[in-house]
């Protein structure tokens, strides 16, 4: 195998008959260089196949341009949509997105952050799990900035982006009650993330305020198959629910399929359902699911905008910033009265 050889800036300078610094200025936006020098340098670079070593240039400025995206369940519709938005915005802002696929444990997030430090990443956006406080502080002391999406960590320094999950859940209770439902249930996974638990607490609290007791069932990971199991457990109860709020759309899709095909229930005539995330499948005719839309574009833009601003001199002791976004209710046909 032939060894890879990259053309150097010095070789470009020699071929163009200019100084090494002239090559550097040519490839530095806004730098002063004559039109003739620029032409000669660009022609030489094209002939030699020269490309600027952005990593080396960034490290000279103590910046790598790398932003690590630390995430699990990358194949789920919501996560893949958010990753698509984040990577596009990061690339458009001149950053390099590095995806680190973790499991669902906090320990894997800690290992991912240590890997981000070793690669001299400028920042990490954490979409799953919670880093240990000491690891997070190590990142901040190393000059790395952190963005926590749908996490409830209150330590100083990171940007925290969350949704109004608790309040949104209360709106589902109102919709169910107006549809004439009185036996309410909440279907959740056992993952226990802050956003999922906020939806559960908000739903139970809103129903309790109306004197309605909520049956809560949790099972497995937050996916389609778990939704089917939850339906089998809930719908075989002596007093089965007539309305179920599922913590995510994937759970709701599994729940709805089991309710229809295994229990012959009509949605929404015999059973009202709601989900959360507004994944593409929720709008399909076979589901037509009432749900809450995750403001994916807003989450991504807020994160990248914050990372694009200059870092405070002592970001490790700053309070960071907390942003709470609104989840819009998308009314479809899985709740009566629409």
C-alpha atoms as a PDB file:
ATOM      1  CA  UNK A   1       0.000   0.000   0.000  1.00  0.00           C
ATOM      2  CA  UNK A   2       1.242   3.472  -0.828  1.00  0.00           C
ATOM      3  CA  UNK A   3       1.776   5.840   2.063  1.00  0.00           C
ATOM      4  CA  UNK A   4      -0.568   8.825   2.255  1.00  0.00           C
ATOM      5  CA  UNK A   5       1.326  12.035   1.630  1.00  0.00           C
ATOM      6  CA  UNK A   6      -0.350  15.410   2.122  1.00  0.00           C
ATOM      7  CA  UNK A   7       1.043  18.447   0.376  1.00  0.00           C
ATOM      8  CA  UNK A   8       2.427  21.023   2.800  1.00  0.00           C
ATOM      9  CA  UNK A   9       2.031  24.773   2.814  1.00  0.00           C
ATOM     10  CA  UNK A  10       5.793  25.053   2.249  1.00  0.00           C
ATOM     11  CA  UNK A  11       5.514  23.027  -0.953  1.00  0.00           C
ATOM     12  CA  UNK A  12       2.722  25.283  -2.150  1.00  0.00           C
ATOM     13  CA  UNK A  13       4.852  28.331  -1.375  1.00  0.00           C
ATOM     14  CA  UNK A  14       7.826  26.957  -3.336  1.00  0.00           C
ATOM     15  CA  UNK A  15       5.677  26.063  -6.363  1.00  0.00           C
ATOM     16  CA  UNK A  16       3.948  29.459  -6.330  1.00  0.00           C
ATOM     17  CA  UNK A  17       7.191  31.343  -5.728  1.00  0.00           C
ATOM     18  CA  UNK A  18       5.875  33.089  -2.626  1.00  0.00           C
ATOM     19  CA  UNK A  19       6.599  33.006   1.085  1.00  0.00           C
ATOM     20  CA  UNK A  20       5.086  30.498   3.518  1.00  0.00           C
ATOM     21  CA  UNK A  21       3.246  33.330   5.255  1.00  0.00           C
ATOM     22  CA  UNK A  22       1.658  34.356   1.930  1.00  0.00           C
ATOM     23  CA  UNK A  23       0.125  30.875   1.659  1.00  0.00           C
ATOM     24  CA  UNK A  24      -1.211  31.170   5.178  1.00  0.00           C
ATOM     25  CA  UNK A  25      -2.745  34.601   4.468  1.00  0.00           C
ATOM     26  CA  UNK A  26      -4.343  33.315   1.270  1.00  0.00           C
ATOM     27  CA  UNK A  27      -6.289  30.698   3.201  1.00  0.00           C
ATOM     28  CA  UNK A  28      -7.132  32.974   6.136  1.00  0.00           C
ATOM     29  CA  UNK A  29     -10.475  34.766   5.683  1.00  0.00           C
ATOM     30  CA  UNK A  30     -10.037  38.548   5.778  1.00  0.00           C
ATOM     31  CA  UNK A  31      -6.229  38.458   5.617  1.00  0.00           C
ATOM     32  CA  UNK A  32      -4.432  40.904   3.337  1.00  0.00           C
ATOM     33  CA  UNK A  33      -2.959  39.379   0.158  1.00  0.00           C
ATOM     34  CA  UNK A  34      -2.611  40.735  -3.393  1.00  0.00           C
ATOM     35  CA  UNK A  35      -4.771  39.370  -6.204  1.00  0.00           C
ATOM     36  CA  UNK A  36      -1.731  38.094  -8.092  1.00  0.00           C
ATOM     37  CA  UNK A  37      -0.326  36.298  -5.049  1.00  0.00           C
ATOM     38  CA  UNK A  38      -3.730  34.755  -4.319  1.00  0.00           C
ATOM     39  CA  UNK A  39      -3.994  33.498  -7.893  1.00  0.00           C
ATOM     40  CA  UNK A  40      -0.552  31.889  -7.844  1.00  0.00           C
ATOM     41  CA  UNK A  41      -1.125  30.271  -4.457  1.00  0.00           C
ATOM     42  CA  UNK A  42      -4.530  28.860  -5.418  1.00  0.00           C
ATOM     43  CA  UNK A  43      -3.172  27.470  -8.682  1.00  0.00           C
ATOM     44  CA  UNK A  44      -0.279  25.805  -6.855  1.00  0.00           C
ATOM     45  CA  UNK A  45      -2.602  24.412  -4.191  1.00  0.00           C
ATOM     46  CA  UNK A  46      -4.897  22.976  -6.864  1.00  0.00           C
ATOM     47  CA  UNK A  47      -1.983  21.345  -8.692  1.00  0.00           C
ATOM     48  CA  UNK A  48      -0.584  19.787  -5.506  1.00  0.00           C
ATOM     49  CA  UNK A  49      -3.954  18.825  -3.993  1.00  0.00           C
ATOM     50  CA  UNK A  50      -3.261  20.979  -0.956  1.00  0.00           C
ATOM     51  CA  UNK A  51      -5.868  21.494   1.752  1.00  0.00           C
ATOM     52  CA  UNK A  52      -5.558  23.550   4.909  1.00  0.00           C
ATOM     53  CA  UNK A  53      -5.000  21.453   8.031  1.00  0.00           C
ATOM     54  CA  UNK A  54      -7.830  22.964  10.044  1.00  0.00           C
ATOM     55  CA  UNK A  55      -7.109  20.729  13.052  1.00  0.00           C
ATOM     56  CA  UNK A  56      -3.519  21.945  13.317  1.00  0.00           C
ATOM     57  CA  UNK A  57      -4.594  25.538  12.735  1.00  0.00           C
ATOM     58  CA  UNK A  58      -7.260  25.259  15.405  1.00  0.00           C
ATOM     59  CA  UNK A  59      -4.914  23.734  17.954  1.00  0.00           C
ATOM     60  CA  UNK A  60      -2.562  26.675  17.441  1.00  0.00           C
ATOM     61  CA  UNK A  61      -5.484  28.886  18.513  1.00  0.00           C
ATOM     62  CA  UNK A  62      -6.301  26.437  21.315  1.00  0.00           C
ATOM     63  CA  UNK A  63      -9.506  25.517  19.477  1.00  0.00           C
ATOM     64  CA  UNK A  64     -10.244  22.267  17.671  1.00  0.00           C
ATOM     65  CA  UNK A  65     -13.654  23.184  16.280  1.00  0.00           C
ATOM     66  CA  UNK A  66     -14.921  19.777  17.409  1.00  0.00           C
ATOM     67  CA  UNK A  67     -18.307  19.475  19.106  1.00  0.00           C
ATOM     68  CA  UNK A  68     -19.086  16.021  20.497  1.00  0.00           C
ATOM     69  CA  UNK A  69     -22.675  14.788  20.332  1.00  0.00           C
ATOM     70  CA  UNK A  70     -23.102  12.279  23.145  1.00  0.00           C
ATOM     71  CA  UNK A  71     -26.250  10.251  22.558  1.00  0.00           C
ATOM     72  CA  UNK A  72     -27.894   6.849  22.873  1.00  0.00           C
ATOM     73  CA  UNK A  73     -30.779   5.418  20.829  1.00  0.00           C
ATOM     74  CA  UNK A  74     -29.560   7.224  17.718  1.00  0.00           C
ATOM     75  CA  UNK A  75     -31.901   5.196  15.487  1.00  0.00           C
ATOM     76  CA  UNK A  76     -35.113   6.398  17.148  1.00  0.00           C
ATOM     77  CA  UNK A  77     -37.057   8.924  15.040  1.00  0.00           C
ATOM     78  CA  UNK A  78     -36.815  11.798  17.524  1.00  0.00           C
ATOM     79  CA  UNK A  79     -33.085  11.375  18.182  1.00  0.00           C
ATOM     80  CA  UNK A  80     -32.205  10.994  14.494  1.00  0.00           C
ATOM     81  CA  UNK A  81     -34.206  14.139  13.676  1.00  0.00           C
ATOM     82  CA  UNK A  82     -32.445  16.138  16.398  1.00  0.00           C
ATOM     83  CA  UNK A  83     -29.028  14.846  15.314  1.00  0.00           C
ATOM     84  CA  UNK A  84     -29.783  15.840  11.724  1.00  0.00           C
ATOM     85  CA  UNK A  85     -30.619  19.394  12.796  1.00  0.00           C
ATOM     86  CA  UNK A  86     -27.640  19.703  15.129  1.00  0.00           C
ATOM     87  CA  UNK A  87     -25.046  18.389  12.677  1.00  0.00           C
ATOM     88  CA  UNK A  88     -26.314  20.644   9.881  1.00  0.00           C
ATOM     89  CA  UNK A  89     -26.225  23.783  12.054  1.00  0.00           C
ATOM     90  CA  UNK A  90     -22.805  22.903  13.479  1.00  0.00           C
ATOM     91  CA  UNK A  91     -21.380  22.380   9.994  1.00  0.00           C
ATOM     92  CA  UNK A  92     -22.873  25.660   8.774  1.00  0.00           C
ATOM     93  CA  UNK A  93     -21.233  27.455  11.708  1.00  0.00           C
ATOM     94  CA  UNK A  94     -17.806  26.010  10.865  1.00  0.00           C
ATOM     95  CA  UNK A  95     -17.812  23.344  13.578  1.00  0.00           C
ATOM     96  CA  UNK A  96     -17.038  19.652  13.237  1.00  0.00           C
ATOM     97  CA  UNK A  97     -19.617  17.311  14.777  1.00  0.00           C
ATOM     98  CA  UNK A  98     -18.237  14.126  16.336  1.00  0.00           C
ATOM     99  CA  UNK A  99     -20.889  11.548  17.277  1.00  0.00           C
ATOM    100  CA  UNK A 100     -20.225   9.353  20.320  1.00  0.00           C
ATOM    101  CA  UNK A 101     -22.832   6.600  20.589  1.00  0.00           C
ATOM    102  CA  UNK A 102     -23.313   5.589  24.225  1.00  0.00           C
ATOM    103  CA  UNK A 103     -25.525   3.156  26.052  1.00  0.00           C
ATOM    104  CA  UNK A 104     -28.155   4.513  28.423  1.00  0.00           C
ATOM    105  CA  UNK A 105     -25.969   4.616  31.534  1.00  0.00           C
ATOM    106  CA  UNK A 106     -24.414   7.642  33.184  1.00  0.00           C
ATOM    107  CA  UNK A 107     -21.087   5.800  33.286  1.00  0.00           C
ATOM    108  CA  UNK A 108     -20.951   5.660  29.501  1.00  0.00           C
ATOM    109  CA  UNK A 109     -21.526   9.424  29.389  1.00  0.00           C
ATOM    110  CA  UNK A 110     -18.563   9.958  31.723  1.00  0.00           C
ATOM    111  CA  UNK A 111     -16.366   7.823  29.459  1.00  0.00           C
ATOM    112  CA  UNK A 112     -17.593   9.747  26.419  1.00  0.00           C
ATOM    113  CA  UNK A 113     -16.713  13.071  28.041  1.00  0.00           C
ATOM    114  CA  UNK A 114     -13.204  11.857  28.853  1.00  0.00           C
ATOM    115  CA  UNK A 115     -12.877  10.858  25.199  1.00  0.00           C
ATOM    116  CA  UNK A 116     -14.040  14.340  24.181  1.00  0.00           C
ATOM    117  CA  UNK A 117     -11.328  15.867  26.383  1.00  0.00           C
ATOM    118  CA  UNK A 118      -8.671  13.640  24.799  1.00  0.00           C
ATOM    119  CA  UNK A 119      -9.727  14.818  21.353  1.00  0.00           C
ATOM    120  CA  UNK A 120      -9.583  18.438  22.579  1.00  0.00           C
ATOM    121  CA  UNK A 121     -13.233  18.991  21.743  1.00  0.00           C
ATOM    122  CA  UNK A 122     -14.396  22.569  22.233  1.00  0.00           C
ATOM    123  CA  UNK A 123     -17.803  21.456  23.482  1.00  0.00           C
ATOM    124  CA  UNK A 124     -20.091  18.503  24.091  1.00  0.00           C
ATOM    125  CA  UNK A 125     -23.850  18.333  23.620  1.00  0.00           C
ATOM    126  CA  UNK A 126     -25.272  15.654  25.912  1.00  0.00           C
ATOM    127  CA  UNK A 127     -28.526  14.071  24.778  1.00  0.00           C
ATOM    128  CA  UNK A 128     -28.582  11.012  27.042  1.00  0.00           C
ATOM    129  CA  UNK A 129     -27.580  10.216  30.604  1.00  0.00           C
ATOM    130  CA  UNK A 130     -26.104  12.593  33.138  1.00  0.00           C
ATOM    131  CA  UNK A 131     -22.380  13.190  33.633  1.00  0.00           C
ATOM    132  CA  UNK A 132     -20.909  12.898  37.085  1.00  0.00           C
ATOM    133  CA  UNK A 133     -20.438  16.367  38.560  1.00  0.00           C
ATOM    134  CA  UNK A 134     -16.689  15.893  38.881  1.00  0.00           C
ATOM    135  CA  UNK A 135     -16.389  14.869  35.217  1.00  0.00           C
ATOM    136  CA  UNK A 136     -18.496  17.829  34.130  1.00  0.00           C
ATOM    137  CA  UNK A 137     -16.327  20.194  36.151  1.00  0.00           C
ATOM    138  CA  UNK A 138     -13.193  18.613  34.662  1.00  0.00           C
ATOM    139  CA  UNK A 139     -14.571  19.377  31.185  1.00  0.00           C
ATOM    140  CA  UNK A 140     -15.301  22.978  32.155  1.00  0.00           C
ATOM    141  CA  UNK A 141     -11.852  23.447  33.687  1.00  0.00           C
ATOM    142  CA  UNK A 142     -10.353  22.050  30.472  1.00  0.00           C
ATOM    143  CA  UNK A 143     -12.110  24.797  28.539  1.00  0.00           C
ATOM    144  CA  UNK A 144     -14.855  22.571  27.152  1.00  0.00           C
ATOM    145  CA  UNK A 145     -18.394  23.900  27.088  1.00  0.00           C
ATOM    146  CA  UNK A 146     -21.380  21.666  27.843  1.00  0.00           C
ATOM    147  CA  UNK A 147     -24.952  21.694  26.583  1.00  0.00           C
ATOM    148  CA  UNK A 148     -27.464  19.464  28.379  1.00  0.00           C
ATOM    149  CA  UNK A 149     -30.658  18.694  26.451  1.00  0.00           C
ATOM    150  CA  UNK A 150     -33.655  17.470  28.480  1.00  0.00           C
ATOM    151  CA  UNK A 151     -31.440  16.883  31.531  1.00  0.00           C
ATOM    152  CA  UNK A 152     -32.167  18.240  35.019  1.00  0.00           C
ATOM    153  CA  UNK A 153     -28.616  18.759  36.292  1.00  0.00           C
ATOM    154  CA  UNK A 154     -28.396  22.088  38.146  1.00  0.00           C
ATOM    155  CA  UNK A 155     -24.618  22.380  38.468  1.00  0.00           C
ATOM    156  CA  UNK A 156     -23.137  25.679  37.253  1.00  0.00           C
ATOM    157  CA  UNK A 157     -21.560  26.128  33.852  1.00  0.00           C
ATOM    158  CA  UNK A 158     -23.536  24.218  31.202  1.00  0.00           C
ATOM    159  CA  UNK A 159     -26.382  25.447  29.033  1.00  0.00           C
ATOM    160  CA  UNK A 160     -29.549  23.535  29.960  1.00  0.00           C
ATOM    161  CA  UNK A 161     -32.332  23.192  27.382  1.00  0.00           C
ATOM    162  CA  UNK A 162     -35.580  21.676  28.624  1.00  0.00           C
ATOM    163  CA  UNK A 163     -39.239  21.533  27.610  1.00  0.00           C
ATOM    164  CA  UNK A 164     -42.379  22.373  29.532  1.00  0.00           C
ATOM    165  CA  UNK A 165     -43.042  18.624  29.955  1.00  0.00           C
ATOM    166  CA  UNK A 166     -44.851  18.998  33.278  1.00  0.00           C
ATOM    167  CA  UNK A 167     -47.248  21.661  31.991  1.00  0.00           C
ATOM    168  CA  UNK A 168     -47.810  19.827  28.698  1.00  0.00           C
ATOM    169  CA  UNK A 169     -48.985  16.731  30.541  1.00  0.00           C
ATOM    170  CA  UNK A 170     -51.687  18.781  32.245  1.00  0.00           C
ATOM    171  CA  UNK A 171     -53.109  19.726  28.845  1.00  0.00           C
ATOM    172  CA  UNK A 172     -53.549  16.039  28.005  1.00  0.00           C
ATOM    173  CA  UNK A 173     -55.650  15.544  31.142  1.00  0.00           C
ATOM    174  CA  UNK A 174     -57.924  18.392  30.036  1.00  0.00           C
ATOM    175  CA  UNK A 175     -58.299  16.848  26.568  1.00  0.00           C
ATOM    176  CA  UNK A 176     -59.148  13.421  27.997  1.00  0.00           C
ATOM    177  CA  UNK A 177     -61.718  14.801  30.439  1.00  0.00           C
ATOM    178  CA  UNK A 178     -63.404  16.868  27.726  1.00  0.00           C
ATOM    179  CA  UNK A 179     -63.633  13.670  25.663  1.00  0.00           C
ATOM    180  CA  UNK A 180     -65.588  12.084  28.524  1.00  0.00           C
ATOM    181  CA  UNK A 181     -62.769   9.873  29.813  1.00  0.00           C
ATOM    182  CA  UNK A 182     -62.523   9.174  33.542  1.00  0.00           C
ATOM    183  CA  UNK A 183     -60.251   6.115  33.865  1.00  0.00           C
ATOM    184  CA  UNK A 184     -56.883   7.656  33.073  1.00  0.00           C
ATOM    185  CA  UNK A 185     -53.532   5.890  32.830  1.00  0.00           C
ATOM    186  CA  UNK A 186     -49.941   6.822  32.092  1.00  0.00           C
ATOM    187  CA  UNK A 187     -47.680   4.447  30.121  1.00  0.00           C
ATOM    188  CA  UNK A 188     -43.979   4.998  30.742  1.00  0.00           C
ATOM    189  CA  UNK A 189     -40.690   3.181  30.316  1.00  0.00           C
ATOM    190  CA  UNK A 190     -38.293   2.330  33.115  1.00  0.00           C
ATOM    191  CA  UNK A 191     -35.580   4.614  31.749  1.00  0.00           C
ATOM    192  CA  UNK A 192     -36.495   7.376  34.198  1.00  0.00           C
ATOM    193  CA  UNK A 193     -35.068  10.346  32.305  1.00  0.00           C
ATOM    194  CA  UNK A 194     -35.975  13.798  33.662  1.00  0.00           C
ATOM    195  CA  UNK A 195     -38.275  14.589  30.737  1.00  0.00           C
ATOM    196  CA  UNK A 196     -40.177  11.298  30.951  1.00  0.00           C
ATOM    197  CA  UNK A 197     -40.657  11.593  34.693  1.00  0.00           C
ATOM    198  CA  UNK A 198     -41.771  15.234  34.401  1.00  0.00           C
ATOM    199  CA  UNK A 199     -44.498  14.144  31.989  1.00  0.00           C
ATOM    200  CA  UNK A 200     -45.588  11.445  34.411  1.00  0.00           C
ATOM    201  CA  UNK A 201     -45.641  13.777  37.419  1.00  0.00           C
ATOM    202  CA  UNK A 202     -47.471  16.506  35.518  1.00  0.00           C
ATOM    203  CA  UNK A 203     -50.140  14.110  34.274  1.00  0.00           C
ATOM    204  CA  UNK A 204     -50.754  12.600  37.715  1.00  0.00           C
ATOM    205  CA  UNK A 205     -50.848  16.022  39.391  1.00  0.00           C
ATOM    206  CA  UNK A 206     -53.308  17.517  36.888  1.00  0.00           C
ATOM    207  CA  UNK A 207     -55.619  14.522  37.181  1.00  0.00           C
ATOM    208  CA  UNK A 208     -55.413  14.557  40.991  1.00  0.00           C
ATOM    209  CA  UNK A 209     -56.473  18.214  40.994  1.00  0.00           C
ATOM    210  CA  UNK A 210     -59.703  17.067  39.322  1.00  0.00           C
ATOM    211  CA  UNK A 211     -60.170  14.198  41.763  1.00  0.00           C
ATOM    212  CA  UNK A 212     -59.117  11.540  39.249  1.00  0.00           C
ATOM    213  CA  UNK A 213     -56.693   8.789  40.232  1.00  0.00           C
ATOM    214  CA  UNK A 214     -54.181   7.796  37.560  1.00  0.00           C
ATOM    215  CA  UNK A 215     -52.898   4.278  37.067  1.00  0.00           C
ATOM    216  CA  UNK A 216     -49.195   4.308  36.134  1.00  0.00           C
ATOM    217  CA  UNK A 217     -47.393   1.416  34.482  1.00  0.00           C
ATOM    218  CA  UNK A 218     -43.706   1.333  33.515  1.00  0.00           C
ATOM    219  CA  UNK A 219     -41.855  -1.212  31.407  1.00  0.00           C
ATOM    220  CA  UNK A 220     -38.538  -1.607  29.606  1.00  0.00           C
ATOM    221  CA  UNK A 221     -36.934   0.896  27.268  1.00  0.00           C
ATOM    222  CA  UNK A 222     -38.776   3.674  25.491  1.00  0.00           C
ATOM    223  CA  UNK A 223     -39.704   1.866  22.294  1.00  0.00           C
ATOM    224  CA  UNK A 224     -42.436   0.267  20.236  1.00  0.00           C
ATOM    225  CA  UNK A 225     -42.211  -3.209  21.784  1.00  0.00           C
ATOM    226  CA  UNK A 226     -42.425  -1.768  25.298  1.00  0.00           C
ATOM    227  CA  UNK A 227     -45.624  -0.020  24.241  1.00  0.00           C
ATOM    228  CA  UNK A 228     -47.175  -3.338  23.223  1.00  0.00           C
ATOM    229  CA  UNK A 229     -46.276  -4.891  26.579  1.00  0.00           C
ATOM    230  CA  UNK A 230     -47.695  -1.919  28.455  1.00  0.00           C
ATOM    231  CA  UNK A 231     -50.971  -2.288  26.529  1.00  0.00           C
ATOM    232  CA  UNK A 232     -51.155  -5.980  27.393  1.00  0.00           C
ATOM    233  CA  UNK A 233     -50.669  -5.207  31.067  1.00  0.00           C
ATOM    234  CA  UNK A 234     -53.081  -2.276  31.241  1.00  0.00           C
ATOM    235  CA  UNK A 235     -55.852  -3.633  29.055  1.00  0.00           C
ATOM    236  CA  UNK A 236     -56.115  -6.933  30.944  1.00  0.00           C
ATOM    237  CA  UNK A 237     -56.911  -5.167  34.213  1.00  0.00           C
ATOM    238  CA  UNK A 238     -60.357  -5.663  35.731  1.00  0.00           C
ATOM    239  CA  UNK A 239     -60.979  -1.956  35.242  1.00  0.00           C
ATOM    240  CA  UNK A 240     -59.066  -1.028  32.161  1.00  0.00           C
ATOM    241  CA  UNK A 241     -58.402   2.603  31.274  1.00  0.00           C
ATOM    242  CA  UNK A 242     -60.412   4.525  28.709  1.00  0.00           C
ATOM    243  CA  UNK A 243     -57.592   7.035  28.100  1.00  0.00           C
ATOM    244  CA  UNK A 244     -53.806   6.561  28.143  1.00  0.00           C
ATOM    245  CA  UNK A 245     -51.049   9.144  27.871  1.00  0.00           C
ATOM    246  CA  UNK A 246     -47.886   7.460  26.582  1.00  0.00           C
ATOM    247  CA  UNK A 247     -44.585   9.105  27.500  1.00  0.00           C
ATOM    248  CA  UNK A 248     -43.379   8.959  23.860  1.00  0.00           C
ATOM    249  CA  UNK A 249     -44.859   8.389  20.432  1.00  0.00           C
ATOM    250  CA  UNK A 250     -42.999   5.098  19.991  1.00  0.00           C
ATOM    251  CA  UNK A 251     -44.682   3.765  23.135  1.00  0.00           C
ATOM    252  CA  UNK A 252     -48.004   5.078  21.864  1.00  0.00           C
ATOM    253  CA  UNK A 253     -47.628   3.376  18.476  1.00  0.00           C
ATOM    254  CA  UNK A 254     -46.925   0.026  20.111  1.00  0.00           C
ATOM    255  CA  UNK A 255     -49.761   0.568  22.585  1.00  0.00           C
ATOM    256  CA  UNK A 256     -52.242   1.465  19.830  1.00  0.00           C
ATOM    257  CA  UNK A 257     -51.364  -1.530  17.665  1.00  0.00           C
ATOM    258  CA  UNK A 258     -51.795  -3.912  20.595  1.00  0.00           C
ATOM    259  CA  UNK A 259     -55.094  -2.280  21.620  1.00  0.00           C
ATOM    260  CA  UNK A 260     -56.507  -2.621  18.124  1.00  0.00           C
ATOM    261  CA  UNK A 261     -55.156  -5.963  16.978  1.00  0.00           C
ATOM    262  CA  UNK A 262     -54.996  -7.932  20.229  1.00  0.00           C
ATOM    263  CA  UNK A 263     -57.951  -6.434  22.112  1.00  0.00           C
ATOM    264  CA  UNK A 264     -60.131  -5.282  19.185  1.00  0.00           C
ATOM    265  CA  UNK A 265     -60.562  -1.833  20.703  1.00  0.00           C
ATOM    266  CA  UNK A 266     -61.543   1.153  18.598  1.00  0.00           C
ATOM    267  CA  UNK A 267     -59.394   4.290  18.877  1.00  0.00           C
ATOM    268  CA  UNK A 268     -60.696   6.816  19.842  1.00  0.00           C
ATOM    269  CA  UNK A 269     -64.254   5.479  20.346  1.00  0.00           C
ATOM    270  CA  UNK A 270     -63.348   3.007  23.079  1.00  0.00           C
ATOM    271  CA  UNK A 271     -59.852   4.189  23.975  1.00  0.00           C
ATOM    272  CA  UNK A 272     -58.266   7.635  23.708  1.00  0.00           C
ATOM    273  CA  UNK A 273     -54.505   7.862  23.293  1.00  0.00           C
ATOM    274  CA  UNK A 274     -51.884  10.606  23.287  1.00  0.00           C
ATOM    275  CA  UNK A 275     -48.123  10.576  22.829  1.00  0.00           C
ATOM    276  CA  UNK A 276     -45.137  12.922  22.901  1.00  0.00           C
ATOM    277  CA  UNK A 277     -42.463  13.856  20.306  1.00  0.00           C
ATOM    278  CA  UNK A 278     -44.505  14.156  17.074  1.00  0.00           C
ATOM    279  CA  UNK A 279     -42.336  11.702  15.168  1.00  0.00           C
ATOM    280  CA  UNK A 280     -43.142  11.158  11.506  1.00  0.00           C
ATOM    281  CA  UNK A 281     -45.076   7.956  12.231  1.00  0.00           C
ATOM    282  CA  UNK A 282     -47.520   9.860  14.472  1.00  0.00           C
ATOM    283  CA  UNK A 283     -48.956  11.592  11.401  1.00  0.00           C
ATOM    284  CA  UNK A 284     -49.395   8.381   9.423  1.00  0.00           C
ATOM    285  CA  UNK A 285     -53.030   7.513   8.720  1.00  0.00           C
ATOM    286  CA  UNK A 286     -52.754   4.216  10.596  1.00  0.00           C
ATOM    287  CA  UNK A 287     -51.908   6.064  13.849  1.00  0.00           C
ATOM    288  CA  UNK A 288     -53.223   9.638  13.431  1.00  0.00           C
ATOM    289  CA  UNK A 289     -51.856  10.250  16.917  1.00  0.00           C
ATOM    290  CA  UNK A 290     -52.532  13.329  19.026  1.00  0.00           C
ATOM    291  CA  UNK A 291     -49.156  14.298  20.444  1.00  0.00           C
ATOM    292  CA  UNK A 292     -46.784  17.081  21.437  1.00  0.00           C
ATOM    293  CA  UNK A 293     -44.223  18.350  18.945  1.00  0.00           C
ATOM    294  CA  UNK A 294     -40.665  18.506  20.172  1.00  0.00           C
ATOM    295  CA  UNK A 295     -39.294  21.895  19.004  1.00  0.00           C
ATOM    296  CA  UNK A 296     -36.307  20.190  17.396  1.00  0.00           C
ATOM    297  CA  UNK A 297     -35.206  23.145  15.280  1.00  0.00           C
ATOM    298  CA  UNK A 298     -35.363  25.490  18.280  1.00  0.00           C
ATOM    299  CA  UNK A 299     -33.387  23.068  20.480  1.00  0.00           C
ATOM    300  CA  UNK A 300     -30.647  22.764  17.874  1.00  0.00           C
ATOM    301  CA  UNK A 301     -30.484  26.493  17.097  1.00  0.00           C
ATOM    302  CA  UNK A 302     -30.358  27.495  20.784  1.00  0.00           C
ATOM    303  CA  UNK A 303     -27.509  25.042  21.416  1.00  0.00           C
ATOM    304  CA  UNK A 304     -25.415  26.078  18.412  1.00  0.00           C
ATOM    305  CA  UNK A 305     -26.094  29.787  18.970  1.00  0.00           C
ATOM    306  CA  UNK A 306     -24.825  29.517  22.559  1.00  0.00           C
ATOM    307  CA  UNK A 307     -21.716  27.621  21.466  1.00  0.00           C
ATOM    308  CA  UNK A 308     -21.015  30.205  18.758  1.00  0.00           C
ATOM    309  CA  UNK A 309     -20.768  33.040  21.280  1.00  0.00           C
ATOM    310  CA  UNK A 310     -17.404  33.737  22.957  1.00  0.00           C
ATOM    311  CA  UNK A 311     -16.794  31.710  26.094  1.00  0.00           C
ATOM    312  CA  UNK A 312     -16.756  33.653  29.377  1.00  0.00           C
ATOM    313  CA  UNK A 313     -13.335  33.980  30.973  1.00  0.00           C
ATOM    314  CA  UNK A 314     -14.290  31.646  33.818  1.00  0.00           C
ATOM    315  CA  UNK A 315     -17.055  29.427  32.466  1.00  0.00           C
ATOM    316  CA  UNK A 316     -16.422  26.835  35.199  1.00  0.00           C
ATOM    317  CA  UNK A 317     -17.897  29.088  37.869  1.00  0.00           C
ATOM    318  CA  UNK A 318     -20.607  30.822  35.837  1.00  0.00           C
ATOM    319  CA  UNK A 319     -24.213  29.790  36.331  1.00  0.00           C
ATOM    320  CA  UNK A 320     -24.545  28.934  32.666  1.00  0.00           C
ATOM    321  CA  UNK A 321     -27.985  29.428  31.216  1.00  0.00           C
ATOM    322  CA  UNK A 322     -31.317  27.634  31.410  1.00  0.00           C
ATOM    323  CA  UNK A 323     -33.777  27.674  28.511  1.00  0.00           C
ATOM    324  CA  UNK A 324     -37.280  26.218  28.662  1.00  0.00           C
ATOM    325  CA  UNK A 325     -39.074  25.669  25.362  1.00  0.00           C
ATOM    326  CA  UNK A 326     -42.744  25.103  24.600  1.00  0.00           C
ATOM    327  CA  UNK A 327     -44.054  21.766  23.319  1.00  0.00           C
ATOM    328  CA  UNK A 328     -46.945  22.439  20.955  1.00  0.00           C
ATOM    329  CA  UNK A 329     -49.987  20.151  21.067  1.00  0.00           C
ATOM    330  CA  UNK A 330     -50.659  18.571  17.665  1.00  0.00           C
ATOM    331  CA  UNK A 331     -54.308  17.554  17.603  1.00  0.00           C
ATOM    332  CA  UNK A 332     -55.148  14.511  15.503  1.00  0.00           C
ATOM    333  CA  UNK A 333     -57.751  11.755  15.704  1.00  0.00           C
ATOM    334  CA  UNK A 334     -56.698   9.564  18.643  1.00  0.00           C
ATOM    335  CA  UNK A 335     -58.722  11.589  21.179  1.00  0.00           C
ATOM    336  CA  UNK A 336     -62.472  12.055  20.813  1.00  0.00           C
ATOM    337  CA  UNK A 337     -63.703  15.572  20.276  1.00  0.00           C
ATOM    338  CA  UNK A 338     -61.128  16.572  17.653  1.00  0.00           C
END
